[in-house]
């Protein structure tokens, strides 16, 4: 079992032109739990993207899919840092 946890480095959801981010991944989440959440977030983003592609009013699905994708990417980035930064420091 892996004992790595998220570091809380990754941010997401830009709020203005200066690249200020509104949200951050919390530190201390077990990597296994974070990966499970990434899978769920990406699954729902994929479903929304499919609905957007197939619907005549697809734009209403686009923004939620974007935000879910941003959350999933931030989690993956934070997990990547948690797993690989310690190796780079060694």
PDB file of N, CA and C in Angstrom:
ATOM      1  N   UNK A   1       0.834  -1.185   0.000  1.00  0.00           N
ATOM      2  CA  UNK A   1       0.000   0.000   0.000  1.00  0.00           C
ATOM      3  C   UNK A   1       0.878   1.248   0.000  1.00  0.00           C
ATOM      4  N   UNK A   2       0.525   2.199  -0.819  1.00  0.00           N
ATOM      5  CA  UNK A   2       1.268   3.444  -0.930  1.00  0.00           C
ATOM      6  C   UNK A   2       0.856   4.392   0.196  1.00  0.00           C
ATOM      7  N   UNK A   3       1.824   5.005   0.836  1.00  0.00           N
ATOM      8  CA  UNK A   3       1.515   5.941   1.918  1.00  0.00           C
ATOM      9  C   UNK A   3       1.613   7.389   1.471  1.00  0.00           C
ATOM     10  N   UNK A   4       1.820   7.622   0.177  1.00  0.00           N
ATOM     11  CA  UNK A   4       1.926   8.989  -0.334  1.00  0.00           C
ATOM     12  C   UNK A   4       0.586   9.707  -0.227  1.00  0.00           C
ATOM     13  N   UNK A   5       0.662  11.006  -0.024  1.00  0.00           N
ATOM     14  CA  UNK A   5      -0.531  11.844   0.032  1.00  0.00           C
ATOM     15  C   UNK A   5      -0.334  13.062  -0.863  1.00  0.00           C
ATOM     16  N   UNK A   6      -1.435  13.699  -1.214  1.00  0.00           N
ATOM     17  CA  UNK A   6      -1.353  14.905  -2.023  1.00  0.00           C
ATOM     18  C   UNK A   6      -0.588  15.985  -1.260  1.00  0.00           C
ATOM     19  N   UNK A   7       0.059  16.867  -2.020  1.00  0.00           N
ATOM     20  CA  UNK A   7       0.882  17.917  -1.419  1.00  0.00           C
ATOM     21  C   UNK A   7       0.146  19.243  -1.270  1.00  0.00           C
ATOM     22  N   UNK A   8      -0.909  19.411  -2.055  1.00  0.00           N
ATOM     23  CA  UNK A   8      -1.640  20.675  -2.014  1.00  0.00           C
ATOM     24  C   UNK A   8      -0.987  21.759  -2.849  1.00  0.00           C
ATOM     25  N   UNK A   9      -0.215  21.380  -3.843  1.00  0.00           N
ATOM     26  CA  UNK A   9       0.457  22.356  -4.708  1.00  0.00           C
ATOM     27  C   UNK A   9      -0.412  22.816  -5.874  1.00  0.00           C
ATOM     28  N   UNK A  10      -1.223  21.932  -6.401  1.00  0.00           N
ATOM     29  CA  UNK A  10      -1.955  22.203  -7.639  1.00  0.00           C
ATOM     30  C   UNK A  10      -3.156  23.105  -7.394  1.00  0.00           C
ATOM     31  N   UNK A  11      -3.307  24.091  -8.267  1.00  0.00           N
ATOM     32  CA  UNK A  11      -4.437  25.020  -8.213  1.00  0.00           C
ATOM     33  C   UNK A  11      -5.220  24.915  -9.518  1.00  0.00           C
ATOM     34  N   UNK A  12      -6.465  25.402  -9.484  1.00  0.00           N
ATOM     35  CA  UNK A  12      -7.284  25.347 -10.689  1.00  0.00           C
ATOM     36  C   UNK A  12      -8.381  26.396 -10.638  1.00  0.00           C
ATOM     37  N   UNK A  13      -8.999  26.628 -11.764  1.00  0.00           N
ATOM     38  CA  UNK A  13     -10.071  27.585 -12.029  1.00  0.00           C
ATOM     39  C   UNK A  13      -9.579  29.027 -11.934  1.00  0.00           C
ATOM     40  N   UNK A  14      -9.075  29.483 -13.077  1.00  0.00           N
ATOM     41  CA  UNK A  14      -8.589  30.865 -13.199  1.00  0.00           C
ATOM     42  C   UNK A  14      -9.756  31.837 -13.066  1.00  0.00           C
ATOM     43  N   UNK A  15      -9.544  32.902 -12.300  1.00  0.00           N
ATOM     44  CA  UNK A  15     -10.633  33.854 -12.072  1.00  0.00           C
ATOM     45  C   UNK A  15     -10.441  35.191 -12.761  1.00  0.00           C
ATOM     46  N   UNK A  16      -9.250  35.477 -13.259  1.00  0.00           N
ATOM     47  CA  UNK A  16      -9.050  36.742 -13.961  1.00  0.00           C
ATOM     48  C   UNK A  16      -7.865  36.644 -14.904  1.00  0.00           C
ATOM     49  N   UNK A  17      -7.568  37.732 -15.574  1.00  0.00           N
ATOM     50  CA  UNK A  17      -6.507  37.729 -16.576  1.00  0.00           C
ATOM     51  C   UNK A  17      -5.115  37.571 -15.976  1.00  0.00           C
ATOM     52  N   UNK A  18      -4.961  37.754 -14.667  1.00  0.00           N
ATOM     53  CA  UNK A  18      -3.633  37.642 -14.051  1.00  0.00           C
ATOM     54  C   UNK A  18      -3.287  36.202 -13.676  1.00  0.00           C
ATOM     55  N   UNK A  19      -4.115  35.247 -14.066  1.00  0.00           N
ATOM     56  CA  UNK A  19      -3.900  33.818 -13.805  1.00  0.00           C
ATOM     57  C   UNK A  19      -4.060  33.456 -12.334  1.00  0.00           C
ATOM     58  N   UNK A  20      -4.766  34.276 -11.562  1.00  0.00           N
ATOM     59  CA  UNK A  20      -5.081  33.959 -10.174  1.00  0.00           C
ATOM     60  C   UNK A  20      -6.036  32.774 -10.150  1.00  0.00           C
ATOM     61  N   UNK A  21      -5.740  31.771  -9.314  1.00  0.00           N
ATOM     62  CA  UNK A  21      -6.570  30.576  -9.238  1.00  0.00           C
ATOM     63  C   UNK A  21      -7.470  30.628  -8.005  1.00  0.00           C
ATOM     64  N   UNK A  22      -8.675  30.130  -8.153  1.00  0.00           N
ATOM     65  CA  UNK A  22      -9.667  30.167  -7.090  1.00  0.00           C
ATOM     66  C   UNK A  22      -9.569  28.978  -6.147  1.00  0.00           C
ATOM     67  N   UNK A  23      -9.206  27.806  -6.656  1.00  0.00           N
ATOM     68  CA  UNK A  23      -9.220  26.588  -5.860  1.00  0.00           C
ATOM     69  C   UNK A  23      -7.853  25.919  -5.822  1.00  0.00           C
ATOM     70  N   UNK A  24      -7.661  25.056  -4.811  1.00  0.00           N
ATOM     71  CA  UNK A  24      -6.418  24.304  -4.636  1.00  0.00           C
ATOM     72  C   UNK A  24      -6.764  22.898  -4.150  1.00  0.00           C
ATOM     73  N   UNK A  25      -5.956  21.936  -4.567  1.00  0.00           N
ATOM     74  CA  UNK A  25      -6.077  20.575  -4.057  1.00  0.00           C
ATOM     75  C   UNK A  25      -5.631  20.602  -2.599  1.00  0.00           C
ATOM     76  N   UNK A  26      -6.365  19.934  -1.734  1.00  0.00           N
ATOM     77  CA  UNK A  26      -5.982  19.867  -0.319  1.00  0.00           C
ATOM     78  C   UNK A  26      -4.810  18.916  -0.133  1.00  0.00           C
ATOM     79  N   UNK A  27      -3.908  19.284   0.753  1.00  0.00           N
ATOM     80  CA  UNK A  27      -2.788  18.425   1.107  1.00  0.00           C
ATOM     81  C   UNK A  27      -3.274  17.318   2.038  1.00  0.00           C
ATOM     82  N   UNK A  28      -2.578  16.180   1.985  1.00  0.00           N
ATOM     83  CA  UNK A  28      -2.838  15.113   2.930  1.00  0.00           C
ATOM     84  C   UNK A  28      -3.855  14.074   2.519  1.00  0.00           C
ATOM     85  N   UNK A  29      -4.381  14.160   1.294  1.00  0.00           N
ATOM     86  CA  UNK A  29      -5.337  13.157   0.821  1.00  0.00           C
ATOM     87  C   UNK A  29      -4.542  11.946   0.330  1.00  0.00           C
ATOM     88  N   UNK A  30      -4.860  10.745   0.793  1.00  0.00           N
ATOM     89  CA  UNK A  30      -4.145   9.564   0.303  1.00  0.00           C
ATOM     90  C   UNK A  30      -4.230   9.458  -1.222  1.00  0.00           C
ATOM     91  N   UNK A  31      -3.104   9.103  -1.849  1.00  0.00           N
ATOM     92  CA  UNK A  31      -3.032   9.036  -3.303  1.00  0.00           C
ATOM     93  C   UNK A  31      -4.097   8.101  -3.878  1.00  0.00           C
ATOM     94  N   UNK A  32      -4.342   6.976  -3.230  1.00  0.00           N
ATOM     95  CA  UNK A  32      -5.350   6.040  -3.736  1.00  0.00           C
ATOM     96  C   UNK A  32      -6.729   6.689  -3.793  1.00  0.00           C
ATOM     97  N   UNK A  33      -7.076   7.461  -2.763  1.00  0.00           N
ATOM     98  CA  UNK A  33      -8.372   8.151  -2.742  1.00  0.00           C
ATOM     99  C   UNK A  33      -8.421   9.233  -3.809  1.00  0.00           C
ATOM    100  N   UNK A  34      -7.330   9.960  -3.970  1.00  0.00           N
ATOM    101  CA  UNK A  34      -7.274  11.019  -4.979  1.00  0.00           C
ATOM    102  C   UNK A  34      -7.409  10.432  -6.385  1.00  0.00           C
ATOM    103  N   UNK A  35      -6.754   9.292  -6.631  1.00  0.00           N
ATOM    104  CA  UNK A  35      -6.865   8.658  -7.952  1.00  0.00           C
ATOM    105  C   UNK A  35      -8.283   8.164  -8.228  1.00  0.00           C
ATOM    106  N   UNK A  36      -8.944   7.663  -7.209  1.00  0.00           N
ATOM    107  CA  UNK A  36     -10.339   7.255  -7.381  1.00  0.00           C
ATOM    108  C   UNK A  36     -11.204   8.460  -7.747  1.00  0.00           C
ATOM    109  N   UNK A  37     -10.960   9.587  -7.114  1.00  0.00           N
ATOM    110  CA  UNK A  37     -11.721  10.799  -7.418  1.00  0.00           C
ATOM    111  C   UNK A  37     -11.407  11.295  -8.820  1.00  0.00           C
ATOM    112  N   UNK A  38     -10.148  11.223  -9.238  1.00  0.00           N
ATOM    113  CA  UNK A  38      -9.790  11.618 -10.607  1.00  0.00           C
ATOM    114  C   UNK A  38     -10.576  10.798 -11.613  1.00  0.00           C
ATOM    115  N   UNK A  39     -10.666   9.508 -11.371  1.00  0.00           N
ATOM    116  CA  UNK A  39     -11.404   8.635 -12.277  1.00  0.00           C
ATOM    117  C   UNK A  39     -12.865   9.052 -12.371  1.00  0.00           C
ATOM    118  N   UNK A  40     -13.475   9.345 -11.236  1.00  0.00           N
ATOM    119  CA  UNK A  40     -14.881   9.777 -11.237  1.00  0.00           C
ATOM    120  C   UNK A  40     -15.060  11.120 -11.938  1.00  0.00           C
ATOM    121  N   UNK A  41     -14.193  12.082 -11.620  1.00  0.00           N
ATOM    122  CA  UNK A  41     -14.290  13.402 -12.252  1.00  0.00           C
ATOM    123  C   UNK A  41     -14.141  13.290 -13.762  1.00  0.00           C
ATOM    124  N   UNK A  42     -13.158  12.512 -14.205  1.00  0.00           N
ATOM    125  CA  UNK A  42     -12.929  12.376 -15.637  1.00  0.00           C
ATOM    126  C   UNK A  42     -14.083  11.647 -16.315  1.00  0.00           C
ATOM    127  N   UNK A  43     -14.645  10.657 -15.647  1.00  0.00           N
ATOM    128  CA  UNK A  43     -15.802   9.944 -16.192  1.00  0.00           C
ATOM    129  C   UNK A  43     -16.968  10.907 -16.436  1.00  0.00           C
ATOM    130  N   UNK A  44     -17.259  11.732 -15.451  1.00  0.00           N
ATOM    131  CA  UNK A  44     -18.375  12.675 -15.597  1.00  0.00           C
ATOM    132  C   UNK A  44     -18.065  13.756 -16.626  1.00  0.00           C
ATOM    133  N   UNK A  45     -16.826  14.215 -16.671  1.00  0.00           N
ATOM    134  CA  UNK A  45     -16.443  15.189 -17.707  1.00  0.00           C
ATOM    135  C   UNK A  45     -16.620  14.572 -19.096  1.00  0.00           C
ATOM    136  N   UNK A  46     -16.224  13.314 -19.249  1.00  0.00           N
ATOM    137  CA  UNK A  46     -16.383  12.638 -20.542  1.00  0.00           C
ATOM    138  C   UNK A  46     -17.853  12.504 -20.924  1.00  0.00           C
ATOM    139  N   UNK A  47     -18.698  12.172 -19.954  1.00  0.00           N
ATOM    140  CA  UNK A  47     -20.131  12.068 -20.239  1.00  0.00           C
ATOM    141  C   UNK A  47     -20.695  13.417 -20.681  1.00  0.00           C
ATOM    142  N   UNK A  48     -20.309  14.479 -19.994  1.00  0.00           N
ATOM    143  CA  UNK A  48     -20.791  15.809 -20.368  1.00  0.00           C
ATOM    144  C   UNK A  48     -20.276  16.225 -21.740  1.00  0.00           C
ATOM    145  N   UNK A  49     -19.025  15.912 -22.035  1.00  0.00           N
ATOM    146  CA  UNK A  49     -18.484  16.230 -23.360  1.00  0.00           C
ATOM    147  C   UNK A  49     -19.224  15.471 -24.452  1.00  0.00           C
ATOM    148  N   UNK A  50     -19.550  14.219 -24.197  1.00  0.00           N
ATOM    149  CA  UNK A  50     -20.329  13.450 -25.162  1.00  0.00           C
ATOM    150  C   UNK A  50     -21.704  14.084 -25.366  1.00  0.00           C
ATOM    151  N   UNK A  51     -22.363  14.437 -24.252  1.00  0.00           N
ATOM    152  CA  UNK A  51     -23.673  15.082 -24.349  1.00  0.00           C
ATOM    153  C   UNK A  51     -23.582  16.398 -25.116  1.00  0.00           C
ATOM    154  N   UNK A  52     -22.513  17.150 -24.884  1.00  0.00           N
ATOM    155  CA  UNK A  52     -22.331  18.422 -25.594  1.00  0.00           C
ATOM    156  C   UNK A  52     -22.171  18.179 -27.090  1.00  0.00           C
ATOM    157  N   UNK A  53     -21.438  17.143 -27.441  1.00  0.00           N
ATOM    158  CA  UNK A  53     -21.209  16.846 -28.856  1.00  0.00           C
ATOM    159  C   UNK A  53     -22.481  16.366 -29.550  1.00  0.00           C
ATOM    160  N   UNK A  54     -23.340  15.675 -28.822  1.00  0.00           N
ATOM    161  CA  UNK A  54     -24.511  15.059 -29.434  1.00  0.00           C
ATOM    162  C   UNK A  54     -25.778  15.918 -29.353  1.00  0.00           C
ATOM    163  N   UNK A  55     -25.732  16.990 -28.574  1.00  0.00           N
ATOM    164  CA  UNK A  55     -26.933  17.779 -28.326  1.00  0.00           C
ATOM    165  C   UNK A  55     -26.932  19.058 -29.162  1.00  0.00           C
ATOM    166  N   UNK A  56     -28.131  19.489 -29.543  1.00  0.00           N
ATOM    167  CA  UNK A  56     -28.255  20.771 -30.236  1.00  0.00           C
ATOM    168  C   UNK A  56     -28.010  21.940 -29.284  1.00  0.00           C
ATOM    169  N   UNK A  57     -28.151  21.711 -27.989  1.00  0.00           N
ATOM    170  CA  UNK A  57     -27.892  22.768 -27.000  1.00  0.00           C
ATOM    171  C   UNK A  57     -26.691  22.369 -26.135  1.00  0.00           C
ATOM    172  N   UNK A  58     -25.640  21.919 -26.796  1.00  0.00           N
ATOM    173  CA  UNK A  58     -24.475  21.380 -26.118  1.00  0.00           C
ATOM    174  C   UNK A  58     -23.694  22.352 -25.271  1.00  0.00           C
ATOM    175  N   UNK A  59     -23.859  23.643 -25.525  1.00  0.00           N
ATOM    176  CA  UNK A  59     -23.069  24.619 -24.758  1.00  0.00           C
ATOM    177  C   UNK A  59     -23.358  24.565 -23.265  1.00  0.00           C
ATOM    178  N   UNK A  60     -24.531  24.128 -22.880  1.00  0.00           N
ATOM    179  CA  UNK A  60     -24.847  24.053 -21.449  1.00  0.00           C
ATOM    180  C   UNK A  60     -24.068  22.940 -20.755  1.00  0.00           C
ATOM    181  N   UNK A  61     -23.530  21.987 -21.529  1.00  0.00           N
ATOM    182  CA  UNK A  61     -22.719  20.912 -20.965  1.00  0.00           C
ATOM    183  C   UNK A  61     -21.232  21.256 -20.961  1.00  0.00           C
ATOM    184  N   UNK A  62     -20.854  22.235 -21.741  1.00  0.00           N
ATOM    185  CA  UNK A  62     -19.437  22.536 -21.929  1.00  0.00           C
ATOM    186  C   UNK A  62     -18.761  23.076 -20.682  1.00  0.00           C
ATOM    187  N   UNK A  63     -19.373  24.031 -20.001  1.00  0.00           N
ATOM    188  CA  UNK A  63     -18.737  24.626 -18.815  1.00  0.00           C
ATOM    189  C   UNK A  63     -18.583  23.632 -17.671  1.00  0.00           C
ATOM    190  N   UNK A  64     -19.614  22.853 -17.332  1.00  0.00           N
ATOM    191  CA  UNK A  64     -19.400  21.858 -16.279  1.00  0.00           C
ATOM    192  C   UNK A  64     -18.298  20.858 -16.646  1.00  0.00           C
ATOM    193  N   UNK A  65     -18.244  20.452 -17.907  1.00  0.00           N
ATOM    194  CA  UNK A  65     -17.198  19.525 -18.344  1.00  0.00           C
ATOM    195  C   UNK A  65     -15.824  20.164 -18.193  1.00  0.00           C
ATOM    196  N   UNK A  66     -15.712  21.431 -18.531  1.00  0.00           N
ATOM    197  CA  UNK A  66     -14.441  22.142 -18.379  1.00  0.00           C
ATOM    198  C   UNK A  66     -13.996  22.159 -16.922  1.00  0.00           C
ATOM    199  N   UNK A  67     -14.900  22.494 -16.019  1.00  0.00           N
ATOM    200  CA  UNK A  67     -14.538  22.563 -14.599  1.00  0.00           C
ATOM    201  C   UNK A  67     -14.175  21.192 -14.030  1.00  0.00           C
ATOM    202  N   UNK A  68     -14.918  20.170 -14.414  1.00  0.00           N
ATOM    203  CA  UNK A  68     -14.578  18.817 -13.960  1.00  0.00           C
ATOM    204  C   UNK A  68     -13.212  18.396 -14.502  1.00  0.00           C
ATOM    205  N   UNK A  69     -12.931  18.746 -15.750  1.00  0.00           N
ATOM    206  CA  UNK A  69     -11.628  18.445 -16.335  1.00  0.00           C
ATOM    207  C   UNK A  69     -10.505  19.183 -15.628  1.00  0.00           C
ATOM    208  N   UNK A  70     -10.740  20.447 -15.245  1.00  0.00           N
ATOM    209  CA  UNK A  70      -9.736  21.209 -14.497  1.00  0.00           C
ATOM    210  C   UNK A  70      -9.462  20.568 -13.140  1.00  0.00           C
ATOM    211  N   UNK A  71     -10.508  20.115 -12.477  1.00  0.00           N
ATOM    212  CA  UNK A  71     -10.335  19.459 -11.180  1.00  0.00           C
ATOM    213  C   UNK A  71      -9.527  18.174 -11.333  1.00  0.00           C
ATOM    214  N   UNK A  72      -9.873  17.372 -12.341  1.00  0.00           N
ATOM    215  CA  UNK A  72      -9.162  16.118 -12.566  1.00  0.00           C
ATOM    216  C   UNK A  72      -7.691  16.382 -12.870  1.00  0.00           C
ATOM    217  N   UNK A  73      -7.405  17.370 -13.703  1.00  0.00           N
ATOM    218  CA  UNK A  73      -6.014  17.681 -14.041  1.00  0.00           C
ATOM    219  C   UNK A  73      -5.238  18.149 -12.821  1.00  0.00           C
ATOM    220  N   UNK A  74      -5.842  18.985 -11.998  1.00  0.00           N
ATOM    221  CA  UNK A  74      -5.161  19.457 -10.788  1.00  0.00           C
ATOM    222  C   UNK A  74      -4.832  18.289  -9.865  1.00  0.00           C
ATOM    223  N   UNK A  75      -5.757  17.365  -9.714  1.00  0.00           N
ATOM    224  CA  UNK A  75      -5.490  16.196  -8.875  1.00  0.00           C
ATOM    225  C   UNK A  75      -4.359  15.345  -9.447  1.00  0.00           C
ATOM    226  N   UNK A  76      -4.380  15.118 -10.749  1.00  0.00           N
ATOM    227  CA  UNK A  76      -3.309  14.340 -11.380  1.00  0.00           C
ATOM    228  C   UNK A  76      -1.966  15.046 -11.196  1.00  0.00           C
ATOM    229  N   UNK A  77      -1.930  16.353 -11.393  1.00  0.00           N
ATOM    230  CA  UNK A  77      -0.682  17.104 -11.216  1.00  0.00           C
ATOM    231  C   UNK A  77      -0.174  16.990  -9.780  1.00  0.00           C
ATOM    232  N   UNK A  78      -1.074  17.105  -8.819  1.00  0.00           N
ATOM    233  CA  UNK A  78      -0.668  17.031  -7.415  1.00  0.00           C
ATOM    234  C   UNK A  78      -0.200  15.624  -7.051  1.00  0.00           C
ATOM    235  N   UNK A  79      -0.894  14.608  -7.559  1.00  0.00           N
ATOM    236  CA  UNK A  79      -0.475  13.227  -7.318  1.00  0.00           C
ATOM    237  C   UNK A  79       0.898  12.989  -7.937  1.00  0.00           C
ATOM    238  N   UNK A  80       1.100  13.491  -9.148  1.00  0.00           N
ATOM    239  CA  UNK A  80       2.385  13.355  -9.810  1.00  0.00           C
ATOM    240  C   UNK A  80       3.501  13.970  -8.962  1.00  0.00           C
ATOM    241  N   UNK A  81       3.266  15.163  -8.443  1.00  0.00           N
ATOM    242  CA  UNK A  81       4.260  15.803  -7.570  1.00  0.00           C
ATOM    243  C   UNK A  81       4.516  14.960  -6.325  1.00  0.00           C
ATOM    244  N   UNK A  82       3.460  14.444  -5.728  1.00  0.00           N
ATOM    245  CA  UNK A  82       3.614  13.660  -4.502  1.00  0.00           C
ATOM    246  C   UNK A  82       4.426  12.387  -4.750  1.00  0.00           C
ATOM    247  N   UNK A  83       4.240  11.784  -5.912  1.00  0.00           N
ATOM    248  CA  UNK A  83       4.918  10.531  -6.191  1.00  0.00           C
ATOM    249  C   UNK A  83       6.332  10.703  -6.741  1.00  0.00           C
ATOM    250  N   UNK A  84       6.572  11.785  -7.499  1.00  0.00           N
ATOM    251  CA  UNK A  84       7.834  11.888  -8.212  1.00  0.00           C
ATOM    252  C   UNK A  84       8.776  12.986  -7.737  1.00  0.00           C
ATOM    253  N   UNK A  85       8.295  14.023  -7.054  1.00  0.00           N
ATOM    254  CA  UNK A  85       9.203  15.050  -6.551  1.00  0.00           C
ATOM    255  C   UNK A  85      10.194  14.501  -5.526  1.00  0.00           C
ATOM    256  N   UNK A  86       9.762  13.628  -4.609  1.00  0.00           N
ATOM    257  CA  UNK A  86      10.746  13.084  -3.664  1.00  0.00           C
ATOM    258  C   UNK A  86      11.892  12.344  -4.359  1.00  0.00           C
ATOM    259  N   UNK A  87      11.601  11.681  -5.473  1.00  0.00           N
ATOM    260  CA  UNK A  87      12.655  10.977  -6.228  1.00  0.00           C
ATOM    261  C   UNK A  87      13.618  11.957  -6.869  1.00  0.00           C
ATOM    262  N   UNK A  88      13.094  13.104  -7.329  1.00  0.00           N
ATOM    263  CA  UNK A  88      13.944  14.103  -7.967  1.00  0.00           C
ATOM    264  C   UNK A  88      14.885  14.748  -6.957  1.00  0.00           C
ATOM    265  N   UNK A  89      14.433  14.853  -5.705  1.00  0.00           N
ATOM    266  CA  UNK A  89      15.260  15.453  -4.654  1.00  0.00           C
ATOM    267  C   UNK A  89      16.368  14.521  -4.175  1.00  0.00           C
ATOM    268  N   UNK A  90      16.191  13.226  -4.418  1.00  0.00           N
ATOM    269  CA  UNK A  90      17.161  12.236  -3.909  1.00  0.00           C
ATOM    270  C   UNK A  90      18.445  12.214  -4.717  1.00  0.00           C
TER     271      UNK A  90
END
